[in-house]
Amino acid sequence: MKLEIFNNETFGAVRVLADEKNDVWFALVDVCNALGIKNPRDVKAKQLKKDGVDTIYATDKLGRPTNITIINEANLYRLIFQSRKEEAIKFQDWVVEEVIPAIRKHGMYMTNDVIETIHKDPKQFLKMVNDYVAAIEKLNLLTHTKKTYTTTEIAKELGFRSARELNKKLEEMKIQYKSGGTWVLNAEYSTLGYIETKQGFKVNGLPVYYPRWTQKGREFLFELFKNNKDKAS
């Protein structure tokens, strides 16, 4: 396993590596520096899951041999959520959108032992692919956990021509109705965490409230229309 260094003007240098399973690991001290978290030793002892912490032998910036504590993706997100630094979400976006794709640019990392195993038992390759897909889905879920979406964004993802078309379809399916110019979920869906209501203001200063879909709501709609092909044309 070889450490690669990723540099960012805001967060500095972060050392990253991918192991034989294509899991991505991050140097703990670099992550703490980027997130403004002091005392990595306390972090390691009190805030991280032990099975997501490891130590590798490498060299420091001066070329001297040293041991470096590395953490897996789950622990990385744990620290991001705990950080009080305003740029924490931007750091997460940088890691998810640039660092991880770059470290995985060659796809699944295969050693000679892995290749030999696949040669002897081709079914192992299918298992590796399934595990890889599951890891990516988990990463996507973590990435979108706190994000909310407009109906326009989801309509585009689902293949509708507009938010108006999607809203009309949801009304026909008895999932929502219009009240005072705002779309509202029917009672059976209203307490499931599918929608967050955001406040805005009109030009005259009066407040206006509009719904945004949560990740849970987004997944509900994807599942709904995966099993319901009768979308508006």
C-alpha atoms as a PDB file:
ATOM      1  CA  MET A   1       0.000   0.000   0.000  1.00  0.00           C
ATOM      2  CA  LYS A   2       1.378   3.383  -1.046  1.00  0.00           C
ATOM      3  CA  LEU A   3       0.364   6.724   0.396  1.00  0.00           C
ATOM      4  CA  GLU A   4      -0.654   9.353  -2.116  1.00  0.00           C
ATOM      5  CA  ILE A   5      -0.699  13.019  -1.183  1.00  0.00           C
ATOM      6  CA  PHE A   6      -3.661  15.225  -2.134  1.00  0.00           C
ATOM      7  CA  ASN A   7      -3.243  18.964  -1.761  1.00  0.00           C
ATOM      8  CA  ASN A   8      -5.947  21.565  -1.309  1.00  0.00           C
ATOM      9  CA  GLU A   9      -5.507  25.312  -0.863  1.00  0.00           C
ATOM     10  CA  THR A  10      -7.983  25.385   2.009  1.00  0.00           C
ATOM     11  CA  PHE A  11      -7.282  22.092   3.790  1.00  0.00           C
ATOM     12  CA  GLY A  12      -3.611  21.490   3.090  1.00  0.00           C
ATOM     13  CA  ALA A  13      -2.094  18.081   2.342  1.00  0.00           C
ATOM     14  CA  VAL A  14      -3.970  14.864   3.091  1.00  0.00           C
ATOM     15  CA  ARG A  15      -2.281  11.475   2.697  1.00  0.00           C
ATOM     16  CA  VAL A  16      -4.553   8.753   1.341  1.00  0.00           C
ATOM     17  CA  LEU A  17      -4.238   5.129   0.252  1.00  0.00           C
ATOM     18  CA  ALA A  18      -6.358   2.255  -1.046  1.00  0.00           C
ATOM     19  CA  ASP A  19      -5.821  -1.263   0.296  1.00  0.00           C
ATOM     20  CA  GLU A  20      -6.193  -4.642  -1.419  1.00  0.00           C
ATOM     21  CA  LYS A  21      -9.967  -4.520  -0.888  1.00  0.00           C
ATOM     22  CA  ASN A  22     -10.072  -1.068  -2.519  1.00  0.00           C
ATOM     23  CA  ASP A  23     -11.067   0.488   0.811  1.00  0.00           C
ATOM     24  CA  VAL A  24      -9.761   4.041   1.153  1.00  0.00           C
ATOM     25  CA  TRP A  25      -7.789   5.107   4.235  1.00  0.00           C
ATOM     26  CA  PHE A  26      -6.723   8.567   5.405  1.00  0.00           C
ATOM     27  CA  ALA A  27      -3.859   9.765   7.593  1.00  0.00           C
ATOM     28  CA  LEU A  28      -5.531  10.714  10.879  1.00  0.00           C
ATOM     29  CA  VAL A  29      -3.269  13.661  11.661  1.00  0.00           C
ATOM     30  CA  ASP A  30      -3.925  15.203   8.215  1.00  0.00           C
ATOM     31  CA  VAL A  31      -7.702  14.862   8.613  1.00  0.00           C
ATOM     32  CA  CYS A  32      -7.567  16.451  12.075  1.00  0.00           C
ATOM     33  CA  ASN A  33      -5.496  19.352  10.736  1.00  0.00           C
ATOM     34  CA  ALA A  34      -7.942  19.898   7.871  1.00  0.00           C
ATOM     35  CA  LEU A  35     -10.957  19.874  10.201  1.00  0.00           C
ATOM     36  CA  GLY A  36      -9.409  21.976  12.957  1.00  0.00           C
ATOM     37  CA  ILE A  37      -9.515  19.087  15.419  1.00  0.00           C
ATOM     38  CA  LYS A  38      -6.801  19.159  18.071  1.00  0.00           C
ATOM     39  CA  ASN A  39      -4.946  16.243  19.641  1.00  0.00           C
ATOM     40  CA  PRO A  40      -5.265  13.291  17.211  1.00  0.00           C
ATOM     41  CA  ARG A  41      -4.230  10.911  20.007  1.00  0.00           C
ATOM     42  CA  ASP A  42      -7.355  11.734  22.023  1.00  0.00           C
ATOM     43  CA  VAL A  43      -9.443  11.431  18.874  1.00  0.00           C
ATOM     44  CA  LYS A  44      -8.025   7.981  18.209  1.00  0.00           C
ATOM     45  CA  ALA A  45      -8.649   6.841  21.765  1.00  0.00           C
ATOM     46  CA  LYS A  46     -12.118   8.275  22.347  1.00  0.00           C
ATOM     47  CA  GLN A  47     -13.970   9.066  19.104  1.00  0.00           C
ATOM     48  CA  LEU A  48     -13.132   6.390  16.545  1.00  0.00           C
ATOM     49  CA  LYS A  49     -14.270   2.825  15.975  1.00  0.00           C
ATOM     50  CA  LYS A  50     -11.295   0.572  16.610  1.00  0.00           C
ATOM     51  CA  ASP A  51     -11.861  -1.663  13.588  1.00  0.00           C
ATOM     52  CA  GLY A  52     -11.539   1.401  11.366  1.00  0.00           C
ATOM     53  CA  VAL A  53      -8.109   2.404  12.681  1.00  0.00           C
ATOM     54  CA  ASP A  54      -4.755   0.993  11.581  1.00  0.00           C
ATOM     55  CA  THR A  55      -1.072   1.892  11.557  1.00  0.00           C
ATOM     56  CA  ILE A  56       1.319   1.715   8.620  1.00  0.00           C
ATOM     57  CA  TYR A  57       5.061   2.154   8.330  1.00  0.00           C
ATOM     58  CA  ALA A  58       6.052   5.071   6.066  1.00  0.00           C
ATOM     59  CA  THR A  59       8.305   8.113   5.878  1.00  0.00           C
ATOM     60  CA  ASP A  60       7.571  11.649   7.024  1.00  0.00           C
ATOM     61  CA  LYS A  61       8.058  14.863   5.040  1.00  0.00           C
ATOM     62  CA  LEU A  62      11.778  14.775   5.780  1.00  0.00           C
ATOM     63  CA  GLY A  63      12.141  11.194   4.624  1.00  0.00           C
ATOM     64  CA  ARG A  64      12.494   9.769   8.123  1.00  0.00           C
ATOM     65  CA  PRO A  65      10.856   6.412   8.948  1.00  0.00           C
ATOM     66  CA  THR A  66       7.743   6.688  11.095  1.00  0.00           C
ATOM     67  CA  ASN A  67       4.429   5.025  11.933  1.00  0.00           C
ATOM     68  CA  ILE A  68       1.318   6.734  10.592  1.00  0.00           C
ATOM     69  CA  THR A  69      -2.167   6.196  11.998  1.00  0.00           C
ATOM     70  CA  ILE A  70      -4.745   5.790   9.248  1.00  0.00           C
ATOM     71  CA  ILE A  71      -8.558   5.719   9.447  1.00  0.00           C
ATOM     72  CA  ASN A  72     -11.205   4.284   7.141  1.00  0.00           C
ATOM     73  CA  GLU A  73     -14.044   6.170   5.431  1.00  0.00           C
ATOM     74  CA  ALA A  74     -16.564   5.530   8.203  1.00  0.00           C
ATOM     75  CA  ASN A  75     -14.275   7.126  10.775  1.00  0.00           C
ATOM     76  CA  LEU A  76     -13.527   9.975   8.380  1.00  0.00           C
ATOM     77  CA  TYR A  77     -17.233  10.866   8.178  1.00  0.00           C
ATOM     78  CA  ARG A  78     -17.524  10.500  11.948  1.00  0.00           C
ATOM     79  CA  LEU A  79     -14.900  13.223  12.353  1.00  0.00           C
ATOM     80  CA  ILE A  80     -16.470  15.423   9.685  1.00  0.00           C
ATOM     81  CA  PHE A  81     -19.824  15.326  11.486  1.00  0.00           C
ATOM     82  CA  GLN A  82     -18.136  16.165  14.790  1.00  0.00           C
ATOM     83  CA  SER A  83     -16.081  19.054  13.414  1.00  0.00           C
ATOM     84  CA  ARG A  84     -17.118  22.581  14.323  1.00  0.00           C
ATOM     85  CA  LYS A  85     -15.236  24.071  11.412  1.00  0.00           C
ATOM     86  CA  GLU A  86     -17.503  25.851   8.943  1.00  0.00           C
ATOM     87  CA  GLU A  87     -15.629  24.317   6.013  1.00  0.00           C
ATOM     88  CA  ALA A  88     -16.213  20.717   7.210  1.00  0.00           C
ATOM     89  CA  ILE A  89     -18.875  20.018   4.582  1.00  0.00           C
ATOM     90  CA  LYS A  90     -16.641  21.529   1.893  1.00  0.00           C
ATOM     91  CA  PHE A  91     -13.896  19.180   3.051  1.00  0.00           C
ATOM     92  CA  GLN A  92     -16.325  16.266   2.749  1.00  0.00           C
ATOM     93  CA  ASP A  93     -17.281  17.376  -0.773  1.00  0.00           C
ATOM     94  CA  TRP A  94     -13.621  17.619  -1.798  1.00  0.00           C
ATOM     95  CA  VAL A  95     -12.889  14.137  -0.445  1.00  0.00           C
ATOM     96  CA  VAL A  96     -15.966  12.555  -2.020  1.00  0.00           C
ATOM     97  CA  GLU A  97     -15.828  14.320  -5.377  1.00  0.00           C
ATOM     98  CA  GLU A  98     -12.078  14.461  -5.995  1.00  0.00           C
ATOM     99  CA  VAL A  99      -9.912  12.463  -3.608  1.00  0.00           C
ATOM    100  CA  ILE A 100     -11.775   9.139  -3.478  1.00  0.00           C
ATOM    101  CA  PRO A 101     -12.462   8.953  -7.244  1.00  0.00           C
ATOM    102  CA  ALA A 102      -8.802   9.713  -7.928  1.00  0.00           C
ATOM    103  CA  ILE A 103      -7.486   7.079  -5.510  1.00  0.00           C
ATOM    104  CA  ARG A 104      -9.856   4.561  -7.091  1.00  0.00           C
ATOM    105  CA  LYS A 105      -9.151   5.592 -10.676  1.00  0.00           C
ATOM    106  CA  HIS A 106      -7.877   2.116 -11.549  1.00  0.00           C
ATOM    107  CA  GLY A 107     -10.982   0.399 -10.169  1.00  0.00           C
ATOM    108  CA  MET A 108     -10.643  -2.582  -7.853  1.00  0.00           C
ATOM    109  CA  TYR A 109      -7.097  -3.195  -6.725  1.00  0.00           C
ATOM    110  CA  MET A 110      -6.055  -6.744  -7.550  1.00  0.00           C
ATOM    111  CA  THR A 111      -2.997  -8.463  -6.188  1.00  0.00           C
ATOM    112  CA  ASN A 112      -1.570 -11.621  -7.709  1.00  0.00           C
ATOM    113  CA  ASP A 113      -3.208 -13.628  -4.927  1.00  0.00           C
ATOM    114  CA  VAL A 114      -6.602 -12.155  -5.778  1.00  0.00           C
ATOM    115  CA  ILE A 115      -6.170 -12.877  -9.487  1.00  0.00           C
ATOM    116  CA  GLU A 116      -5.160 -16.459  -8.708  1.00  0.00           C
ATOM    117  CA  THR A 117      -8.198 -16.881  -6.455  1.00  0.00           C
ATOM    118  CA  ILE A 118     -10.512 -15.633  -9.216  1.00  0.00           C
ATOM    119  CA  HIS A 119      -8.858 -17.980 -11.697  1.00  0.00           C
ATOM    120  CA  LYS A 120      -9.519 -20.942  -9.421  1.00  0.00           C
ATOM    121  CA  ASP A 121     -13.049 -19.859  -8.491  1.00  0.00           C
ATOM    122  CA  PRO A 122     -14.697 -17.360 -10.908  1.00  0.00           C
ATOM    123  CA  LYS A 123     -17.605 -16.937  -8.485  1.00  0.00           C
ATOM    124  CA  GLN A 124     -15.242 -14.986  -6.258  1.00  0.00           C
ATOM    125  CA  PHE A 125     -15.128 -12.241  -8.876  1.00  0.00           C
ATOM    126  CA  LEU A 126     -18.902 -11.787  -8.672  1.00  0.00           C
ATOM    127  CA  LYS A 127     -18.651 -11.552  -4.892  1.00  0.00           C
ATOM    128  CA  MET A 128     -15.925  -8.898  -5.215  1.00  0.00           C
ATOM    129  CA  VAL A 129     -18.067  -6.879  -7.617  1.00  0.00           C
ATOM    130  CA  ASN A 130     -21.079  -7.097  -5.286  1.00  0.00           C
ATOM    131  CA  ASP A 131     -18.958  -6.017  -2.319  1.00  0.00           C
ATOM    132  CA  TYR A 132     -17.545  -3.133  -4.330  1.00  0.00           C
ATOM    133  CA  VAL A 133     -21.001  -1.943  -5.412  1.00  0.00           C
ATOM    134  CA  ALA A 134     -22.236  -2.176  -1.817  1.00  0.00           C
ATOM    135  CA  ALA A 135     -19.302  -0.034  -0.672  1.00  0.00           C
ATOM    136  CA  ILE A 136     -20.055   2.606  -3.305  1.00  0.00           C
ATOM    137  CA  GLU A 137     -23.736   2.657  -2.355  1.00  0.00           C
ATOM    138  CA  LYS A 138     -22.773   3.091   1.291  1.00  0.00           C
ATOM    139  CA  LEU A 139     -20.509   5.978   0.331  1.00  0.00           C
ATOM    140  CA  ASN A 140     -23.288   7.613  -1.690  1.00  0.00           C
ATOM    141  CA  LEU A 141     -25.677   7.260   1.232  1.00  0.00           C
ATOM    142  CA  LEU A 142     -23.203   8.902   3.599  1.00  0.00           C
ATOM    143  CA  THR A 143     -22.614  11.663   1.102  1.00  0.00           C
ATOM    144  CA  HIS A 144     -26.307  12.509   0.756  1.00  0.00           C
ATOM    145  CA  THR A 145     -27.446  11.959   4.343  1.00  0.00           C
ATOM    146  CA  LYS A 146     -27.853  15.642   5.243  1.00  0.00           C
ATOM    147  CA  LYS A 147     -28.617  16.974   1.779  1.00  0.00           C
ATOM    148  CA  THR A 148     -32.109  17.995   0.670  1.00  0.00           C
ATOM    149  CA  TYR A 149     -33.466  18.243  -2.858  1.00  0.00           C
ATOM    150  CA  THR A 150     -35.934  20.367  -4.785  1.00  0.00           C
ATOM    151  CA  THR A 151     -38.721  18.640  -6.673  1.00  0.00           C
ATOM    152  CA  THR A 152     -37.128  19.966  -9.863  1.00  0.00           C
ATOM    153  CA  GLU A 153     -33.873  18.126  -9.089  1.00  0.00           C
ATOM    154  CA  ILE A 154     -35.628  14.837  -8.389  1.00  0.00           C
ATOM    155  CA  ALA A 155     -37.935  15.209 -11.403  1.00  0.00           C
ATOM    156  CA  LYS A 156     -34.866  15.494 -13.614  1.00  0.00           C
ATOM    157  CA  GLU A 157     -33.290  12.401 -12.033  1.00  0.00           C
ATOM    158  CA  LEU A 158     -36.488  10.411 -12.562  1.00  0.00           C
ATOM    159  CA  GLY A 159     -36.929  11.466 -16.180  1.00  0.00           C
ATOM    160  CA  PHE A 160     -39.905  13.795 -15.810  1.00  0.00           C
ATOM    161  CA  ARG A 161     -40.052  16.908 -17.973  1.00  0.00           C
ATOM    162  CA  SER A 162     -40.581  19.218 -14.996  1.00  0.00           C
ATOM    163  CA  ALA A 163     -41.360  19.463 -11.295  1.00  0.00           C
ATOM    164  CA  ARG A 164     -44.922  20.322 -12.266  1.00  0.00           C
ATOM    165  CA  GLU A 165     -45.279  16.999 -14.069  1.00  0.00           C
ATOM    166  CA  LEU A 166     -43.880  15.047 -11.108  1.00  0.00           C
ATOM    167  CA  ASN A 167     -46.078  16.930  -8.631  1.00  0.00           C
ATOM    168  CA  LYS A 168     -49.154  16.185 -10.731  1.00  0.00           C
ATOM    169  CA  LYS A 169     -48.251  12.495 -10.851  1.00  0.00           C
ATOM    170  CA  LEU A 170     -47.807  12.354  -7.073  1.00  0.00           C
ATOM    171  CA  GLU A 171     -51.192  14.027  -6.670  1.00  0.00           C
ATOM    172  CA  GLU A 172     -52.811  11.402  -8.936  1.00  0.00           C
ATOM    173  CA  MET A 173     -51.194   8.672  -6.836  1.00  0.00           C
ATOM    174  CA  LYS A 174     -52.713  10.167  -3.645  1.00  0.00           C
ATOM    175  CA  ILE A 175     -49.310  10.898  -2.164  1.00  0.00           C
ATOM    176  CA  GLN A 176     -49.689  14.656  -1.908  1.00  0.00           C
ATOM    177  CA  TYR A 177     -52.213  17.459  -2.376  1.00  0.00           C
ATOM    178  CA  LYS A 178     -52.042  21.202  -2.836  1.00  0.00           C
ATOM    179  CA  SER A 179     -52.896  23.528   0.041  1.00  0.00           C
ATOM    180  CA  GLY A 180     -52.581  27.303  -0.179  1.00  0.00           C
ATOM    181  CA  GLY A 181     -50.295  27.064  -3.191  1.00  0.00           C
ATOM    182  CA  THR A 182     -47.959  24.552  -1.495  1.00  0.00           C
ATOM    183  CA  TRP A 183     -47.709  20.822  -2.062  1.00  0.00           C
ATOM    184  CA  VAL A 184     -48.330  18.852   1.148  1.00  0.00           C
ATOM    185  CA  LEU A 185     -47.913  15.118   1.735  1.00  0.00           C
ATOM    186  CA  ASN A 186     -51.008  13.122   2.624  1.00  0.00           C
ATOM    187  CA  ALA A 187     -51.305  12.053   6.254  1.00  0.00           C
ATOM    188  CA  GLU A 188     -49.897   8.539   5.798  1.00  0.00           C
ATOM    189  CA  TYR A 189     -46.669   9.976   4.355  1.00  0.00           C
ATOM    190  CA  SER A 190     -46.379  13.219   6.316  1.00  0.00           C
ATOM    191  CA  THR A 191     -44.610  11.769   9.387  1.00  0.00           C
ATOM    192  CA  LEU A 192     -42.078   9.553   7.579  1.00  0.00           C
ATOM    193  CA  GLY A 193     -39.332  12.154   7.229  1.00  0.00           C
ATOM    194  CA  TYR A 194     -39.645  12.514   3.454  1.00  0.00           C
ATOM    195  CA  ILE A 195     -39.928  16.308   3.469  1.00  0.00           C
ATOM    196  CA  GLU A 196     -38.207  19.190   5.258  1.00  0.00           C
ATOM    197  CA  THR A 197     -39.881  22.588   5.171  1.00  0.00           C
ATOM    198  CA  LYS A 198     -37.562  25.518   4.487  1.00  0.00           C
ATOM    199  CA  GLN A 199     -38.343  29.183   5.080  1.00  0.00           C
ATOM    200  CA  GLY A 200     -37.717  31.903   2.523  1.00  0.00           C
ATOM    201  CA  PHE A 201     -38.868  35.478   2.060  1.00  0.00           C
ATOM    202  CA  LYS A 202     -40.783  37.266  -0.658  1.00  0.00           C
ATOM    203  CA  VAL A 203     -39.640  40.576  -2.111  1.00  0.00           C
ATOM    204  CA  ASN A 204     -42.011  42.374   0.268  1.00  0.00           C
ATOM    205  CA  GLY A 205     -40.332  40.680   3.242  1.00  0.00           C
ATOM    206  CA  LEU A 206     -43.145  38.268   4.055  1.00  0.00           C
ATOM    207  CA  PRO A 207     -42.066  34.702   4.858  1.00  0.00           C
ATOM    208  CA  VAL A 208     -42.779  31.878   2.447  1.00  0.00           C
ATOM    209  CA  TYR A 209     -42.438  28.171   3.188  1.00  0.00           C
ATOM    210  CA  TYR A 210     -41.436  25.577   0.645  1.00  0.00           C
ATOM    211  CA  PRO A 211     -40.766  21.826   0.895  1.00  0.00           C
ATOM    212  CA  ARG A 212     -37.507  20.066   0.065  1.00  0.00           C
ATOM    213  CA  TRP A 213     -37.122  16.299  -0.207  1.00  0.00           C
ATOM    214  CA  THR A 214     -34.766  14.573   2.226  1.00  0.00           C
ATOM    215  CA  GLN A 215     -32.503  11.700   1.186  1.00  0.00           C
ATOM    216  CA  LYS A 216     -35.099   9.355   2.679  1.00  0.00           C
ATOM    217  CA  GLY A 217     -37.788  11.003   0.567  1.00  0.00           C
ATOM    218  CA  ARG A 218     -35.592  10.830  -2.519  1.00  0.00           C
ATOM    219  CA  GLU A 219     -35.075   7.093  -1.995  1.00  0.00           C
ATOM    220  CA  PHE A 220     -38.850   6.664  -1.525  1.00  0.00           C
ATOM    221  CA  LEU A 221     -39.535   8.331  -4.885  1.00  0.00           C
ATOM    222  CA  PHE A 222     -36.852   6.315  -6.660  1.00  0.00           C
ATOM    223  CA  GLU A 223     -38.336   3.099  -5.285  1.00  0.00           C
ATOM    224  CA  LEU A 224     -41.859   4.253  -6.091  1.00  0.00           C
ATOM    225  CA  PHE A 225     -41.156   4.911  -9.745  1.00  0.00           C
ATOM    226  CA  LYS A 226     -38.882   1.917 -10.135  1.00  0.00           C
ATOM    227  CA  ASN A 227     -41.954  -0.205  -9.504  1.00  0.00           C
ATOM    228  CA  ASN A 228     -44.354   2.156 -11.256  1.00  0.00           C
ATOM    229  CA  LYS A 229     -43.467   2.663 -14.898  1.00  0.00           C
ATOM    230  CA  ASP A 230     -46.655   4.572 -15.691  1.00  0.00           C
ATOM    231  CA  LYS A 231     -45.009   7.986 -15.593  1.00  0.00           C
ATOM    232  CA  ALA A 232     -46.502  10.921 -17.402  1.00  0.00           C
ATOM    233  CA  SER A 233     -45.299  11.212 -20.962  1.00  0.00           C
END
